[in-house]
Amino acid sequence: MRLLGLFHRWFGLFIAVFLFIAGLTGAIIAWDHELDSVLNPGFYHAQNNESQESASAMQSPLELAAQFERENPDLFVTFMPLELEKDGALSAMIAPRPTADGKTPKLDFNQVGINPYTAEVQAKREWGAISLARENILPFIYKLHYSLHLPDLGSLQTGILFMGIVGIVWLLDCFIALSISFPSRAQWRKSFAFRWGASRQKVTFDLHRSGGVWIWVLLLIIAVTSVSMNLSSQVVRPVVSLFSTLTPSPFEQRTFGTPVEPKIGREAMVSRAQTQANIQGIEAPLGGIFYSAETGLYGVGFYAPGKDHGDWGLGNPWLYFDGKTGDYVGGTIPGTGSAGDIFMQLQFPLHSGRIAGTAGRVVVTVLGLAIAMLSVTGIIIWARKRRSRLLTRAVKSTAATLPLGNRNIGLTD
């Protein structure tokens, strides 16, 4: 038990700061779209459209994207919704087109909000920039949550890998903490109790121990899904494949290389995607389309406007196509595939709480705050015990230098 206590102490100290950050940011980004739309309505709502006579004046997302690219020939749209809510703006991700020598120019923005009535760009920003400006605060928090904004080293996504390692340590510590919380059968009730009328030290200890015990299953789920989302290809998929066959992702079968432009246009790809969706029995409407220049793949998602994260269950269906030939190369259909496939589909819905809709997101918000609390109380308990140990050593050291008859001075109450 003493060895487990040491592991819990040092594992906890290693992950405490990072879990505090992840917990607080996770509580916020459970509502990222809602909060961002309040802070930055230009990405979500058509501005100054009072003079428009009716919603029929709105241009389609495909028309807006095509016009944007005509007016900005050095840029192309990498992700965009295919349907807009009434008076909703087109929020699109963009990237520079590679130059003749294969190099990709740098931009100071990668997301635009386009007015659907006038086709004018009414908002722009660099999604994920290290900035606390109003237009950047929610994307900054979102990226901080899963990568700490640590810089990449070449193709190595340092921040994502590091937070995945933190997740592994946290996962191990979940089982260690549970073990030391129940030292004996006779004392199991104490592990669930909160001594609210006791001293501040005891209340802090109970918040850490008993608080963790009450929500242990939820903490375990968040820890597992954290590892799954940050170390999917490196750790989780190889482990899951030992127990169940996994359908290879189209991206796993591609080599990331020099960005290439698609030979098939978005309009043609959307038409092919709808045909394939009919074959697959997908009933949800066309929701969004992206193009990955590094792999030459299109992805087309099916969901209602504004529901790109998925609002319930296992998420949205996505179909993937070769950008050069237009051939269908695979898809992710929620609830289909092997047991391993469905396990992987569960990861984001569980982590975000969206598997249970709005109620699940509320739980994730509360859980994020609880994780931050457990991190703080853990550090407080460690600091108090460390101070006590240092004081005891100092007293013993002082006593050892006293004459034999005086050595008990200071060591008794």
Protein backbone atom coordinates (compact mmCIF):
# COMPACT_ATOMS: atom_id res chain seq x y z
CA MET A 1 0.00 0.00 0.00
CA ARG A 2 2.90 2.36 0.75
CA LEU A 3 4.30 1.77 -2.74
CA LEU A 4 0.92 2.54 -4.29
CA GLY A 5 0.82 5.72 -2.25
CA LEU A 6 4.18 6.79 -3.63
CA PHE A 7 3.04 6.10 -7.19
CA HIS A 8 -0.15 8.08 -6.62
CA ARG A 9 1.83 11.00 -5.20
CA TRP A 10 4.31 11.27 -8.04
CA PHE A 11 1.87 10.42 -10.82
CA GLY A 12 -0.51 12.98 -9.39
CA LEU A 13 2.14 15.67 -9.16
CA PHE A 14 3.17 15.04 -12.78
CA ILE A 15 -0.34 15.38 -14.19
CA ALA A 16 -1.96 17.83 -11.73
CA VAL A 17 -1.22 21.08 -13.55
CA PHE A 18 -2.10 19.64 -16.94
CA LEU A 19 -5.36 18.12 -15.68
CA PHE A 20 -6.26 21.42 -14.02
CA ILE A 21 -5.88 23.15 -17.40
CA ALA A 22 -7.68 20.37 -19.26
CA GLY A 23 -10.50 20.28 -16.73
CA LEU A 24 -11.23 24.01 -16.82
CA THR A 25 -10.91 24.29 -20.58
CA GLY A 26 -13.02 21.16 -21.08
CA ALA A 27 -15.79 22.67 -18.98
CA ILE A 28 -15.79 25.69 -21.28
CA ILE A 29 -15.49 24.06 -24.68
CA ALA A 30 -18.44 21.79 -23.98
CA TRP A 31 -20.30 24.92 -25.15
CA ASP A 32 -17.75 26.21 -27.65
CA HIS A 33 -20.15 26.96 -30.51
CA GLU A 34 -22.67 28.71 -28.30
CA LEU A 35 -20.05 30.86 -26.56
CA ASP A 36 -18.16 31.62 -29.76
CA SER A 37 -21.33 32.71 -31.53
CA VAL A 38 -21.97 35.25 -28.76
CA LEU A 39 -18.42 36.60 -28.84
CA ASN A 40 -17.98 36.45 -32.62
CA PRO A 41 -21.35 36.58 -34.36
CA GLY A 42 -19.69 37.38 -37.69
CA PHE A 43 -18.78 33.72 -38.09
CA TYR A 44 -22.30 32.52 -37.36
CA HIS A 45 -24.87 35.16 -38.35
CA ALA A 46 -25.36 37.36 -41.40
CA GLN A 47 -24.54 40.93 -40.39
CA ASN A 48 -26.44 44.05 -41.53
CA ASN A 49 -28.96 42.04 -43.52
CA GLU A 50 -32.02 44.01 -42.39
CA SER A 51 -32.41 45.41 -45.90
CA GLN A 52 -32.68 41.95 -47.43
CA GLU A 53 -36.22 41.23 -48.52
CA SER A 54 -36.31 37.51 -47.77
CA ALA A 55 -34.24 34.42 -47.08
CA SER A 56 -34.57 33.53 -50.77
CA ALA A 57 -31.90 36.14 -51.44
CA MET A 58 -29.36 33.99 -49.66
CA GLN A 59 -26.78 32.33 -51.88
CA SER A 60 -25.96 28.67 -51.38
CA PRO A 61 -22.77 27.72 -49.53
CA LEU A 62 -21.28 26.22 -52.71
CA GLU A 63 -21.93 29.46 -54.60
CA LEU A 64 -20.41 31.53 -51.81
CA ALA A 65 -17.29 29.34 -51.67
CA ALA A 66 -16.86 29.48 -55.45
CA GLN A 67 -17.16 33.27 -55.47
CA PHE A 68 -14.71 33.60 -52.59
CA GLU A 69 -12.14 31.53 -54.48
CA ARG A 70 -12.66 33.55 -57.67
CA GLU A 71 -12.03 36.75 -55.75
CA ASN A 72 -9.07 35.19 -53.90
CA PRO A 73 -7.33 32.96 -56.47
CA ASP A 74 -4.43 32.26 -54.10
CA LEU A 75 -6.78 30.70 -51.53
CA PHE A 76 -9.07 27.69 -51.45
CA VAL A 77 -11.76 26.54 -49.05
CA THR A 78 -10.74 23.45 -47.08
CA PHE A 79 -13.91 23.01 -45.01
CA MET A 80 -17.39 24.46 -45.29
CA PRO A 81 -20.97 23.64 -44.32
CA LEU A 82 -23.33 22.66 -47.12
CA GLU A 83 -26.47 24.07 -45.52
CA LEU A 84 -26.99 27.26 -43.51
CA GLU A 85 -29.50 28.12 -40.86
CA LYS A 86 -31.80 31.06 -41.59
CA ASP A 87 -29.66 34.22 -41.64
CA GLY A 88 -26.62 32.12 -40.81
CA ALA A 89 -23.18 33.08 -42.09
CA LEU A 90 -20.94 30.72 -44.02
CA SER A 91 -18.10 29.86 -41.62
CA ALA A 92 -15.37 28.30 -43.75
CA MET A 93 -11.79 27.17 -43.18
CA ILE A 94 -9.36 28.28 -45.84
CA ALA A 95 -5.73 27.66 -46.83
CA PRO A 96 -3.28 29.13 -49.36
CA ARG A 97 -2.80 27.34 -52.65
CA PRO A 98 0.67 25.85 -53.11
CA THR A 99 2.96 27.88 -55.34
CA ALA A 100 4.61 26.54 -58.49
CA ASP A 101 7.62 25.35 -56.50
CA GLY A 102 5.39 23.35 -54.14
CA LYS A 103 5.73 25.73 -51.21
CA THR A 104 2.73 26.86 -49.19
CA PRO A 105 2.61 30.60 -48.38
CA LYS A 106 1.87 31.72 -44.83
CA LEU A 107 -1.42 33.43 -43.96
CA ASP A 108 -2.42 35.42 -40.90
CA PHE A 109 -5.91 33.88 -40.96
CA ASN A 110 -7.42 30.49 -41.77
CA GLN A 111 -11.13 30.99 -41.11
CA VAL A 112 -13.62 33.40 -42.62
CA GLY A 113 -17.25 34.28 -42.04
CA ILE A 114 -19.05 35.14 -45.30
CA ASN A 115 -22.33 37.03 -45.53
CA PRO A 116 -24.76 34.79 -47.46
CA TYR A 117 -26.61 37.77 -48.93
CA THR A 118 -23.69 39.90 -50.13
CA ALA A 119 -20.89 37.28 -50.33
CA GLU A 120 -18.67 39.72 -48.41
CA VAL A 121 -16.17 38.49 -45.83
CA GLN A 122 -17.51 39.87 -42.57
CA ALA A 123 -15.08 38.15 -40.17
CA LYS A 124 -11.70 36.44 -40.29
CA ARG A 125 -9.25 34.95 -37.82
CA GLU A 126 -6.49 32.42 -37.36
CA TRP A 127 -8.24 29.53 -35.65
CA GLY A 128 -6.03 28.25 -32.82
CA ALA A 129 -3.77 31.31 -32.62
CA ILE A 130 -2.13 32.01 -29.26
CA SER A 131 -4.22 35.06 -28.51
CA LEU A 132 -6.76 36.18 -25.93
CA ALA A 133 -8.43 38.62 -28.30
CA ARG A 134 -12.19 38.23 -28.48
CA GLU A 135 -12.15 36.58 -31.90
CA ASN A 136 -9.50 34.09 -30.81
CA ILE A 137 -10.38 33.25 -27.21
CA LEU A 138 -12.59 30.17 -27.81
CA PRO A 139 -10.33 28.57 -30.45
CA PHE A 140 -7.36 29.33 -28.16
CA ILE A 141 -9.06 27.54 -25.26
CA TYR A 142 -10.09 24.62 -27.48
CA LYS A 143 -6.55 24.03 -28.72
CA LEU A 144 -5.10 24.58 -25.25
CA HIS A 145 -7.32 21.75 -24.03
CA TYR A 146 -5.80 19.04 -26.20
CA SER A 147 -2.30 20.31 -27.03
CA LEU A 148 -1.29 23.05 -24.53
CA HIS A 149 -0.26 25.00 -27.64
CA LEU A 150 3.11 23.23 -27.58
CA PRO A 151 4.88 23.78 -30.92
CA ASP A 152 5.17 20.91 -33.39
CA LEU A 153 8.61 19.51 -34.13
CA GLY A 154 8.47 18.96 -37.87
CA SER A 155 5.63 16.50 -38.45
CA LEU A 156 5.60 15.54 -34.75
CA GLN A 157 2.54 16.97 -33.00
CA THR A 158 4.30 17.48 -29.70
CA GLY A 159 1.40 18.88 -27.70
CA ILE A 160 -1.07 16.20 -28.75
CA LEU A 161 1.44 13.43 -28.00
CA PHE A 162 2.33 14.95 -24.63
CA MET A 163 -1.29 15.23 -23.53
CA GLY A 164 -1.78 11.64 -24.67
CA ILE A 165 1.05 10.60 -22.33
CA VAL A 166 -0.58 12.61 -19.54
CA GLY A 167 -3.76 10.66 -20.29
CA ILE A 168 -1.95 7.32 -19.95
CA VAL A 169 -0.46 8.32 -16.58
CA TRP A 170 -3.88 9.53 -15.47
CA LEU A 171 -5.48 6.25 -16.55
CA LEU A 172 -2.98 4.25 -14.47
CA ASP A 173 -3.42 6.61 -11.53
CA CYS A 174 -7.20 6.14 -11.63
CA PHE A 175 -6.74 2.50 -10.62
CA ILE A 176 -4.02 3.32 -8.08
CA ALA A 177 -6.20 5.99 -6.46
CA LEU A 178 -9.14 3.58 -6.24
CA SER A 179 -6.95 0.96 -4.58
CA ILE A 180 -5.60 3.26 -1.87
CA SER A 181 -9.05 4.77 -1.27
CA PHE A 182 -10.25 1.40 0.07
CA PRO A 183 -7.47 0.20 2.40
CA SER A 184 -9.77 -2.36 4.05
CA ARG A 185 -13.32 -3.67 3.88
CA ALA A 186 -14.03 -2.28 7.33
CA GLN A 187 -13.23 1.27 6.23
CA TRP A 188 -15.04 1.36 2.89
CA ARG A 189 -17.72 3.75 4.15
CA LYS A 190 -15.11 6.40 4.94
CA SER A 191 -14.11 6.55 1.29
CA PHE A 192 -17.57 7.87 0.40
CA ALA A 193 -18.00 10.27 3.33
CA PHE A 194 -17.54 14.05 3.49
CA ARG A 195 -16.82 15.49 6.93
CA TRP A 196 -18.21 18.94 6.22
CA GLY A 197 -18.09 20.08 9.85
CA ALA A 198 -14.50 19.01 10.40
CA SER A 199 -11.28 21.00 10.00
CA ARG A 200 -10.30 22.56 6.71
CA GLN A 201 -7.58 19.93 6.27
CA LYS A 202 -10.07 17.08 6.64
CA VAL A 203 -12.57 18.67 4.28
CA THR A 204 -9.82 19.14 1.67
CA PHE A 205 -8.80 15.51 2.06
CA ASP A 206 -12.39 14.29 1.71
CA LEU A 207 -12.98 16.42 -1.36
CA HIS A 208 -9.96 14.79 -2.96
CA ARG A 209 -10.51 11.19 -1.87
CA SER A 210 -14.28 10.85 -1.57
CA GLY A 211 -14.91 13.27 -4.43
CA GLY A 212 -12.76 11.12 -6.68
CA VAL A 213 -14.45 7.90 -5.54
CA TRP A 214 -17.98 9.16 -6.25
CA ILE A 215 -17.15 10.10 -9.85
CA TRP A 216 -14.47 7.46 -10.46
CA VAL A 217 -16.24 5.78 -13.39
CA LEU A 218 -16.69 9.11 -15.16
CA LEU A 219 -13.05 10.02 -14.54
CA LEU A 220 -12.00 6.67 -16.00
CA ILE A 221 -14.09 7.30 -19.13
CA ILE A 222 -12.55 10.73 -19.64
CA ALA A 223 -9.05 9.33 -19.10
CA VAL A 224 -9.56 6.50 -21.61
CA THR A 225 -11.08 8.77 -24.22
CA SER A 226 -8.28 11.30 -23.71
CA VAL A 227 -5.74 8.65 -24.66
CA SER A 228 -7.91 7.50 -27.56
CA MET A 229 -8.21 10.95 -29.06
CA ASN A 230 -4.55 11.95 -28.65
CA LEU A 231 -2.83 8.62 -29.27
CA SER A 232 -5.32 6.84 -31.50
CA SER A 233 -2.95 5.49 -34.15
CA GLN A 234 0.05 5.15 -31.81
CA VAL A 235 -1.59 3.29 -28.94
CA VAL A 236 -5.34 2.75 -28.93
CA ARG A 237 -6.02 1.31 -32.38
CA PRO A 238 -3.14 -1.22 -32.08
CA VAL A 239 -4.45 -2.31 -28.66
CA VAL A 240 -8.08 -2.52 -29.78
CA SER A 241 -7.04 -4.50 -32.87
CA LEU A 242 -5.77 -7.26 -30.56
CA PHE A 243 -9.37 -7.90 -29.53
CA SER A 244 -11.42 -6.90 -32.56
CA THR A 245 -10.92 -6.27 -36.26
CA LEU A 246 -10.73 -2.57 -37.12
CA THR A 247 -11.77 -1.16 -40.46
CA PRO A 248 -8.77 0.77 -41.83
CA SER A 249 -9.32 4.50 -42.11
CA PRO A 250 -8.87 5.93 -45.63
CA PHE A 251 -6.33 8.31 -44.11
CA GLU A 252 -4.26 5.43 -42.72
CA GLN A 253 -3.88 4.11 -46.26
CA ARG A 254 -2.54 7.43 -47.56
CA THR A 255 0.93 8.90 -47.32
CA PHE A 256 0.90 12.50 -46.16
CA GLY A 257 2.90 14.46 -48.70
CA THR A 258 3.08 17.64 -50.73
CA PRO A 259 -0.35 19.33 -50.86
CA VAL A 260 -2.20 18.67 -54.13
CA GLU A 261 -5.32 20.31 -55.50
CA PRO A 262 -8.33 18.10 -56.32
CA LYS A 263 -9.26 17.22 -59.88
CA ILE A 264 -12.92 16.84 -58.93
CA GLY A 265 -14.80 20.00 -57.96
CA ARG A 266 -16.89 20.35 -54.81
CA GLU A 267 -20.22 20.41 -56.67
CA ALA A 268 -19.48 17.13 -58.44
CA MET A 269 -18.20 15.61 -55.21
CA VAL A 270 -21.33 16.58 -53.31
CA SER A 271 -23.44 14.91 -55.99
CA ARG A 272 -21.39 11.71 -55.76
CA ALA A 273 -21.60 11.79 -51.99
CA GLN A 274 -25.39 12.05 -52.04
CA THR A 275 -25.56 9.08 -54.42
CA GLN A 276 -23.30 7.06 -52.14
CA ALA A 277 -25.31 8.12 -49.09
CA ASN A 278 -28.44 6.76 -50.70
CA ILE A 279 -26.65 3.46 -51.25
CA GLN A 280 -25.50 3.41 -47.62
CA GLY A 281 -28.98 4.23 -46.35
CA ILE A 282 -27.92 7.55 -44.80
CA GLU A 283 -31.01 9.68 -44.23
CA ALA A 284 -29.40 12.75 -42.66
CA PRO A 285 -29.03 15.80 -44.94
CA LEU A 286 -25.76 16.91 -46.49
CA GLY A 287 -23.95 18.80 -43.76
CA GLY A 288 -20.40 19.72 -44.68
CA ILE A 289 -17.44 19.00 -46.93
CA PHE A 290 -13.69 19.18 -46.43
CA TYR A 291 -10.66 18.52 -48.57
CA SER A 292 -7.35 17.27 -47.18
CA ALA A 293 -4.68 18.51 -49.58
CA GLU A 294 -1.95 16.44 -47.88
CA THR A 295 -3.76 13.16 -48.59
CA GLY A 296 -5.86 14.15 -51.61
CA LEU A 297 -9.08 13.06 -49.91
CA TYR A 298 -12.51 14.65 -49.72
CA GLY A 299 -14.77 14.07 -46.73
CA VAL A 300 -18.50 14.71 -46.84
CA GLY A 301 -20.54 14.73 -43.63
CA PHE A 302 -24.28 14.35 -43.14
CA TYR A 303 -25.97 16.37 -40.40
CA ALA A 304 -28.38 19.24 -39.80
CA PRO A 305 -27.02 22.83 -40.03
CA GLY A 306 -24.85 23.73 -37.04
CA LYS A 307 -24.57 20.13 -35.83
CA ASP A 308 -21.11 19.34 -37.19
CA HIS A 309 -19.98 18.09 -33.75
CA GLY A 310 -22.93 15.74 -33.51
CA ASP A 311 -25.65 16.37 -30.95
CA TRP A 312 -26.61 12.87 -29.85
CA GLY A 313 -25.44 9.28 -30.05
CA LEU A 314 -22.32 8.22 -31.92
CA GLY A 315 -21.94 11.31 -34.08
CA ASN A 316 -22.39 12.03 -37.77
CA PRO A 317 -21.84 9.82 -40.85
CA TRP A 318 -18.84 10.75 -43.03
CA LEU A 319 -18.00 9.44 -46.49
CA TYR A 320 -14.57 9.79 -48.11
CA PHE A 321 -13.59 10.13 -51.76
CA ASP A 322 -10.42 10.35 -53.80
CA GLY A 323 -9.98 13.96 -54.90
CA LYS A 324 -8.31 12.92 -58.15
CA THR A 325 -10.66 10.21 -59.37
CA GLY A 326 -13.79 10.81 -57.31
CA ASP A 327 -13.85 7.16 -56.24
CA TYR A 328 -15.49 6.26 -52.93
CA VAL A 329 -12.75 5.01 -50.58
CA GLY A 330 -14.60 4.39 -47.31
CA GLY A 331 -16.73 5.94 -44.63
CA THR A 332 -17.63 6.15 -40.98
CA ILE A 333 -21.25 5.18 -40.41
CA PRO A 334 -22.17 5.44 -36.69
CA GLY A 335 -23.27 2.16 -35.21
CA THR A 336 -21.88 0.00 -38.01
CA GLY A 337 -18.74 -2.06 -38.30
CA SER A 338 -16.98 -4.37 -35.88
CA ALA A 339 -17.04 -4.08 -32.09
CA GLY A 340 -13.69 -2.32 -32.35
CA ASP A 341 -15.05 0.14 -34.91
CA ILE A 342 -17.96 1.03 -32.63
CA PHE A 343 -15.60 1.39 -29.66
CA MET A 344 -13.58 3.94 -31.62
CA GLN A 345 -16.76 5.74 -32.68
CA LEU A 346 -17.67 6.11 -29.01
CA GLN A 347 -14.57 8.05 -28.05
CA PHE A 348 -15.43 11.64 -29.00
CA PRO A 349 -19.14 11.40 -28.08
CA LEU A 350 -18.18 10.07 -24.65
CA HIS A 351 -15.37 12.56 -24.11
CA SER A 352 -17.51 15.54 -25.08
CA GLY A 353 -20.69 14.27 -23.43
CA ARG A 354 -22.55 14.68 -26.72
CA ILE A 355 -23.50 11.03 -26.65
CA ALA A 356 -26.26 12.12 -24.23
CA GLY A 357 -27.08 15.43 -25.88
CA THR A 358 -27.37 18.60 -23.80
CA ALA A 359 -27.56 16.64 -20.53
CA GLY A 360 -24.26 14.95 -21.36
CA ARG A 361 -22.59 18.27 -22.04
CA VAL A 362 -23.80 19.56 -18.66
CA VAL A 363 -22.24 16.49 -17.01
CA VAL A 364 -18.95 17.11 -18.84
CA THR A 365 -18.92 20.73 -17.68
CA VAL A 366 -19.42 19.71 -14.04
CA LEU A 367 -16.87 16.91 -14.47
CA GLY A 368 -14.29 19.33 -15.89
CA LEU A 369 -14.65 21.56 -12.83
CA ALA A 370 -14.38 18.49 -10.59
CA ILE A 371 -11.15 17.42 -12.30
CA ALA A 372 -9.71 20.88 -11.71
CA MET A 373 -10.78 20.64 -8.05
CA LEU A 374 -9.16 17.22 -7.62
CA SER A 375 -5.92 18.58 -9.06
CA VAL A 376 -5.86 21.55 -6.68
CA THR A 377 -6.77 19.53 -3.58
CA GLY A 378 -4.16 16.93 -4.48
CA ILE A 379 -1.43 19.56 -4.59
CA ILE A 380 -2.65 21.10 -1.32
CA ILE A 381 -2.56 17.71 0.42
CA TRP A 382 0.92 16.97 -0.94
CA ALA A 383 2.24 20.40 0.09
CA ARG A 384 0.84 20.05 3.62
CA LYS A 385 2.31 16.56 4.07
CA ARG A 386 5.64 17.69 2.65
CA ARG A 387 5.74 20.63 5.04
CA SER A 388 4.95 18.27 7.92
CA ARG A 389 7.71 15.86 6.87
CA LEU A 390 10.25 18.64 6.57
CA LEU A 391 9.27 20.00 9.98
CA THR A 392 9.58 16.55 11.56
CA ARG A 393 13.03 16.08 10.02
CA ALA A 394 14.14 19.49 11.23
CA VAL A 395 12.95 18.77 14.78
CA LYS A 396 14.64 15.36 14.80
CA SER A 397 17.83 16.86 13.41
CA THR A 398 17.82 19.55 16.08
CA ALA A 399 17.06 17.04 18.80
CA ALA A 400 19.97 14.86 17.68
CA THR A 401 22.39 17.70 18.41
CA LEU A 402 21.11 18.22 21.98
CA PRO A 403 22.58 16.55 25.06
CA LEU A 404 21.12 13.13 25.72
CA GLY A 405 18.90 14.33 28.54
CA ASN A 406 17.27 17.01 26.40
CA ARG A 407 16.58 15.03 23.21
CA ASN A 408 12.91 14.58 23.93
CA ILE A 409 12.31 18.33 24.06
CA GLY A 410 10.09 19.38 21.20
CA LEU A 411 9.19 15.83 20.24
CA THR A 412 6.29 15.48 22.68
CA ASP A 413 3.11 17.51 23.04
